[in-house]
Amino acid sequence: AAGVADFFRDVMLMHATTAADGTSATVHFSGGALPQLAQQLVFTERADADAPDKYDVAQQYHAAFYVADHERFAAAFRRADAARLVYMNERFEGGDPAFGSAMCEVDALKYNQFRVRDLRKDQG
């Protein structure tokens, strides 16, 4: 769980905490001008969890996160890119970057999106 919190805090520049017992990480999303829209995403570690890649193959789940502002978005892209975490789903390779294949900072900023596959601070 600490690694997930580290990723969101250090790469995506978001507020994230780890439970005292180390079994969960919580990412806190501000509601901005509307505090009632604040949300949390909780990652819980379980001994009986499925294999890490199960969902990549079987379900192809994804989640989208809003970053607080343009500067943090650009910084998050640069950090993810430096850690070699920016990812293009091969289903979208060669397609319009607006749909999900932004692989450079210019496209990420133009289309306001980029993808990462793994939630870790560095490739390795």
Foldseek 3Di string as FASTA:
>chain_A
DVQLQCLCCVQLVFHKDADPVRFKMKTWAAPVVDRVPIDIDMDGDDPPDDPPCPCVPPPNDDDDDDRDDLVSQLRNLVQCVVQVFFDADPVQPPHDVLVEGPDDSVSCSVNVDTDGDDRGRHDD
